[in-house]
Amino acid sequence: MITSSASKVQPPLLIIEDSNEDFEAFQRFLRQSPLVIPVYRCLNGDQALAFLYHTDHYTDLESAPRPGLILLDLNLPGTDGREVLRRIKQDDDLKLVPTVIFTTSNNPKDIEDCYRQGVNSYIIKPMDFGLLKRSIQTLLEYWFDITMLPQNSL
């Protein structure tokens, strides 16, 4: 079902994911969606923090806009997703950006720790392709079609 918000350009989505396979699956499902969402990707936690704080290769706001939503994997090389989440949610500007954990970890400690840090949602990546597609479609519809995301920029 295409709604009125499907045709307008949505705020950017920042995907922090080191798996090319998972990112490609996400991109494939996004292309099938009526939503027009600019997507940016960081491969690890260090790159994500540089993107969010406009350092290193991300000083240009055009190439690193403030995301409307952050999709974060926990198990990243270098600075892991747990530390990235902690930094986001302790920052007065960034903590307003909804952050969704999208990970293979079903460890109850990870789930609890992320919610204690202020994560907005915790989704375990399904291994089944059909369930993965449904999870991604539901995530996109909820966050970009139903929910109002912050529009302000840094």
C-alpha atoms as a PDB file:
ATOM      1  CA  MET A   1       0.000   0.000   0.000  1.00  0.00           C
ATOM      2  CA  ILE A   2       1.444   3.363  -1.009  1.00  0.00           C
ATOM      3  CA  THR A   3       0.688   6.175   1.378  1.00  0.00           C
ATOM      4  CA  SER A   4       1.187   9.907   1.044  1.00  0.00           C
ATOM      5  CA  SER A   5       4.557   9.770   2.798  1.00  0.00           C
ATOM      6  CA  ALA A   6       5.825   7.100   0.389  1.00  0.00           C
ATOM      7  CA  SER A   7       6.358   9.557  -2.435  1.00  0.00           C
ATOM      8  CA  LYS A   8       8.296  12.186  -0.520  1.00  0.00           C
ATOM      9  CA  VAL A   9      11.989  11.888   0.205  1.00  0.00           C
ATOM     10  CA  GLN A  10      12.509  10.669   3.737  1.00  0.00           C
ATOM     11  CA  PRO A  11      15.273  11.692   6.151  1.00  0.00           C
ATOM     12  CA  PRO A  12      18.505   9.753   5.619  1.00  0.00           C
ATOM     13  CA  LEU A  13      19.026   6.271   6.961  1.00  0.00           C
ATOM     14  CA  LEU A  14      22.484   5.454   8.308  1.00  0.00           C
ATOM     15  CA  ILE A  15      23.239   1.731   8.235  1.00  0.00           C
ATOM     16  CA  ILE A  16      26.229   0.680  10.302  1.00  0.00           C
ATOM     17  CA  GLU A  17      26.867  -2.845   9.059  1.00  0.00           C
ATOM     18  CA  ASP A  18      30.074  -4.698   8.206  1.00  0.00           C
ATOM     19  CA  SER A  19      28.415  -7.589   6.350  1.00  0.00           C
ATOM     20  CA  ASN A  20      28.161  -6.918   2.610  1.00  0.00           C
ATOM     21  CA  GLU A  21      25.598  -9.718   2.313  1.00  0.00           C
ATOM     22  CA  ASP A  22      23.296  -8.210   4.958  1.00  0.00           C
ATOM     23  CA  PHE A  23      23.685  -4.724   3.501  1.00  0.00           C
ATOM     24  CA  GLU A  24      22.930  -5.945  -0.033  1.00  0.00           C
ATOM     25  CA  ALA A  25      19.813  -7.752   1.200  1.00  0.00           C
ATOM     26  CA  PHE A  26      18.671  -4.562   2.897  1.00  0.00           C
ATOM     27  CA  GLN A  27      19.333  -2.544  -0.282  1.00  0.00           C
ATOM     28  CA  ARG A  28      17.423  -5.076  -2.405  1.00  0.00           C
ATOM     29  CA  PHE A  29      14.349  -4.838  -0.183  1.00  0.00           C
ATOM     30  CA  LEU A  30      14.598  -1.068  -0.053  1.00  0.00           C
ATOM     31  CA  ARG A  31      14.562  -0.873  -3.864  1.00  0.00           C
ATOM     32  CA  GLN A  32      11.291  -2.851  -3.825  1.00  0.00           C
ATOM     33  CA  SER A  33       9.727  -0.391  -1.385  1.00  0.00           C
ATOM     34  CA  PRO A  34       7.709   2.649  -2.520  1.00  0.00           C
ATOM     35  CA  LEU A  35       9.626   4.698   0.067  1.00  0.00           C
ATOM     36  CA  VAL A  36      12.365   7.023  -1.169  1.00  0.00           C
ATOM     37  CA  ILE A  37      15.045   6.852   1.521  1.00  0.00           C
ATOM     38  CA  PRO A  38      18.600   8.139   1.099  1.00  0.00           C
ATOM     39  CA  VAL A  39      20.897   5.474   2.531  1.00  0.00           C
ATOM     40  CA  TYR A  40      24.406   5.931   3.902  1.00  0.00           C
ATOM     41  CA  ARG A  41      26.595   3.082   5.097  1.00  0.00           C
ATOM     42  CA  CYS A  42      29.459   2.779   7.530  1.00  0.00           C
ATOM     43  CA  LEU A  43      31.406  -0.470   7.742  1.00  0.00           C
ATOM     44  CA  ASN A  44      32.577  -0.208  11.343  1.00  0.00           C
ATOM     45  CA  GLY A  45      32.110   1.751  14.534  1.00  0.00           C
ATOM     46  CA  ASP A  46      35.032   4.100  13.961  1.00  0.00           C
ATOM     47  CA  GLN A  47      33.713   5.074  10.546  1.00  0.00           C
ATOM     48  CA  ALA A  48      30.229   5.558  12.023  1.00  0.00           C
ATOM     49  CA  LEU A  49      31.503   7.903  14.724  1.00  0.00           C
ATOM     50  CA  ALA A  50      33.458   9.880  12.124  1.00  0.00           C
ATOM     51  CA  PHE A  51      30.271  10.145  10.035  1.00  0.00           C
ATOM     52  CA  LEU A  52      28.154  11.272  12.993  1.00  0.00           C
ATOM     53  CA  TYR A  53      30.721  13.773  14.321  1.00  0.00           C
ATOM     54  CA  HIS A  54      31.827  15.014  10.868  1.00  0.00           C
ATOM     55  CA  THR A  55      35.498  14.118  11.223  1.00  0.00           C
ATOM     56  CA  ASP A  56      38.031  12.388   8.957  1.00  0.00           C
ATOM     57  CA  HIS A  57      36.488  11.906   5.495  1.00  0.00           C
ATOM     58  CA  TYR A  58      33.062  13.141   6.625  1.00  0.00           C
ATOM     59  CA  THR A  59      33.561  16.863   7.218  1.00  0.00           C
ATOM     60  CA  ASP A  60      31.240  17.741   4.324  1.00  0.00           C
ATOM     61  CA  LEU A  61      27.615  17.784   5.540  1.00  0.00           C
ATOM     62  CA  GLU A  62      26.457  16.798   2.049  1.00  0.00           C
ATOM     63  CA  SER A  63      28.290  13.463   2.224  1.00  0.00           C
ATOM     64  CA  ALA A  64      27.440  12.914   5.909  1.00  0.00           C
ATOM     65  CA  PRO A  65      24.015  14.401   6.669  1.00  0.00           C
ATOM     66  CA  ARG A  66      22.340  13.972  10.018  1.00  0.00           C
ATOM     67  CA  PRO A  67      20.443  10.674   9.826  1.00  0.00           C
ATOM     68  CA  GLY A  68      16.758  10.447  10.604  1.00  0.00           C
ATOM     69  CA  LEU A  69      17.313   6.862  11.732  1.00  0.00           C
ATOM     70  CA  ILE A  70      20.382   4.783  12.592  1.00  0.00           C
ATOM     71  CA  LEU A  71      20.371   1.033  11.972  1.00  0.00           C
ATOM     72  CA  LEU A  72      23.237  -0.419  14.012  1.00  0.00           C
ATOM     73  CA  ASP A  73      24.817  -3.863  14.107  1.00  0.00           C
ATOM     74  CA  LEU A  74      26.403  -4.760  17.448  1.00  0.00           C
ATOM     75  CA  ASN A  75      29.224  -6.976  16.227  1.00  0.00           C
ATOM     76  CA  LEU A  76      31.462  -4.592  14.292  1.00  0.00           C
ATOM     77  CA  PRO A  77      35.223  -4.574  13.792  1.00  0.00           C
ATOM     78  CA  GLY A  78      37.116  -1.978  15.820  1.00  0.00           C
ATOM     79  CA  THR A  79      34.742   0.094  17.922  1.00  0.00           C
ATOM     80  CA  ASP A  80      31.761  -2.215  18.295  1.00  0.00           C
ATOM     81  CA  GLY A  81      28.084  -1.308  18.099  1.00  0.00           C
ATOM     82  CA  ARG A  82      27.680  -1.286  21.875  1.00  0.00           C
ATOM     83  CA  GLU A  83      30.202   1.557  22.171  1.00  0.00           C
ATOM     84  CA  VAL A  84      28.709   3.412  19.202  1.00  0.00           C
ATOM     85  CA  LEU A  85      25.270   3.190  20.841  1.00  0.00           C
ATOM     86  CA  ARG A  86      26.677   4.430  24.156  1.00  0.00           C
ATOM     87  CA  ARG A  87      28.288   7.441  22.439  1.00  0.00           C
ATOM     88  CA  ILE A  88      25.141   8.274  20.449  1.00  0.00           C
ATOM     89  CA  LYS A  89      22.835   8.122  23.452  1.00  0.00           C
ATOM     90  CA  GLN A  90      25.180  10.163  25.684  1.00  0.00           C
ATOM     91  CA  ASP A  91      25.434  12.969  23.142  1.00  0.00           C
ATOM     92  CA  ASP A  92      22.826  15.716  23.622  1.00  0.00           C
ATOM     93  CA  ASP A  93      22.348  16.189  19.865  1.00  0.00           C
ATOM     94  CA  LEU A  94      22.641  12.624  18.625  1.00  0.00           C
ATOM     95  CA  LYS A  95      20.491  10.996  21.300  1.00  0.00           C
ATOM     96  CA  LEU A  96      17.439  12.447  19.542  1.00  0.00           C
ATOM     97  CA  VAL A  97      18.134  10.290  16.477  1.00  0.00           C
ATOM     98  CA  PRO A  98      16.214   7.004  16.781  1.00  0.00           C
ATOM     99  CA  THR A  99      18.605   4.078  16.857  1.00  0.00           C
ATOM    100  CA  VAL A 100      17.599   0.515  16.043  1.00  0.00           C
ATOM    101  CA  ILE A 101      19.853  -2.432  16.791  1.00  0.00           C
ATOM    102  CA  PHE A 102      19.720  -4.961  13.935  1.00  0.00           C
ATOM    103  CA  THR A 103      21.968  -7.847  14.906  1.00  0.00           C
ATOM    104  CA  THR A 104      22.348 -11.601  15.137  1.00  0.00           C
ATOM    105  CA  SER A 105      22.915 -11.403  18.902  1.00  0.00           C
ATOM    106  CA  ASN A 106      20.015 -12.791  20.915  1.00  0.00           C
ATOM    107  CA  ASN A 107      22.029 -12.562  24.150  1.00  0.00           C
ATOM    108  CA  PRO A 108      19.658 -11.305  26.881  1.00  0.00           C
ATOM    109  CA  LYS A 109      22.500  -9.214  28.354  1.00  0.00           C
ATOM    110  CA  ASP A 110      23.002  -7.411  25.020  1.00  0.00           C
ATOM    111  CA  ILE A 111      19.275  -6.761  24.715  1.00  0.00           C
ATOM    112  CA  GLU A 112      18.992  -5.395  28.251  1.00  0.00           C
ATOM    113  CA  ASP A 113      22.191  -3.332  28.003  1.00  0.00           C
ATOM    114  CA  CYS A 114      21.044  -1.727  24.741  1.00  0.00           C
ATOM    115  CA  TYR A 115      17.684  -0.739  26.194  1.00  0.00           C
ATOM    116  CA  ARG A 116      19.435   0.644  29.279  1.00  0.00           C
ATOM    117  CA  GLN A 117      21.575   2.782  26.938  1.00  0.00           C
ATOM    118  CA  GLY A 118      18.423   4.139  25.279  1.00  0.00           C
ATOM    119  CA  VAL A 119      18.070   2.117  22.067  1.00  0.00           C
ATOM    120  CA  ASN A 120      14.704   2.658  20.401  1.00  0.00           C
ATOM    121  CA  SER A 121      14.289  -0.897  19.163  1.00  0.00           C
ATOM    122  CA  TYR A 122      16.215  -4.182  19.156  1.00  0.00           C
ATOM    123  CA  ILE A 123      15.688  -6.565  16.237  1.00  0.00           C
ATOM    124  CA  ILE A 124      17.366  -9.942  15.869  1.00  0.00           C
ATOM    125  CA  LYS A 125      18.247 -10.635  12.231  1.00  0.00           C
ATOM    126  CA  PRO A 126      16.365 -13.706  11.085  1.00  0.00           C
ATOM    127  CA  MET A 127      18.446 -16.326   9.298  1.00  0.00           C
ATOM    128  CA  ASP A 128      15.485 -17.283   7.086  1.00  0.00           C
ATOM    129  CA  PHE A 129      15.352 -15.160   3.900  1.00  0.00           C
ATOM    130  CA  GLY A 130      11.557 -14.750   3.971  1.00  0.00           C
ATOM    131  CA  LEU A 131      11.586 -13.663   7.612  1.00  0.00           C
ATOM    132  CA  LEU A 132      14.498 -11.309   6.941  1.00  0.00           C
ATOM    133  CA  LYS A 133      12.548  -9.671   4.103  1.00  0.00           C
ATOM    134  CA  ARG A 134       9.469  -9.293   6.305  1.00  0.00           C
ATOM    135  CA  SER A 135      11.536  -7.823   9.153  1.00  0.00           C
ATOM    136  CA  ILE A 136      13.162  -5.254   6.871  1.00  0.00           C
ATOM    137  CA  GLN A 137       9.858  -4.318   5.219  1.00  0.00           C
ATOM    138  CA  THR A 138       8.197  -3.891   8.613  1.00  0.00           C
ATOM    139  CA  LEU A 139      11.124  -1.848   9.913  1.00  0.00           C
ATOM    140  CA  LEU A 140      11.028   0.475   6.886  1.00  0.00           C
ATOM    141  CA  GLU A 141       7.259   0.920   7.008  1.00  0.00           C
ATOM    142  CA  TYR A 142       7.220   1.574  10.741  1.00  0.00           C
ATOM    143  CA  TRP A 143      10.102   4.043  10.917  1.00  0.00           C
ATOM    144  CA  PHE A 144       9.624   5.825   7.578  1.00  0.00           C
ATOM    145  CA  ASP A 145       5.894   5.591   6.886  1.00  0.00           C
ATOM    146  CA  ILE A 146       4.197   5.528  10.286  1.00  0.00           C
ATOM    147  CA  THR A 147       6.586   7.220  12.711  1.00  0.00           C
ATOM    148  CA  MET A 148       7.510  10.897  12.656  1.00  0.00           C
ATOM    149  CA  LEU A 149      11.309  11.213  12.609  1.00  0.00           C
ATOM    150  CA  PRO A 150      13.279  14.258  13.756  1.00  0.00           C
ATOM    151  CA  GLN A 151      14.001  16.649  10.893  1.00  0.00           C
ATOM    152  CA  ASN A 152      16.525  19.010  12.496  1.00  0.00           C
ATOM    153  CA  SER A 153      20.142  19.018  11.408  1.00  0.00           C
ATOM    154  CA  LEU A 154      23.366  19.288  13.379  1.00  0.00           C
END
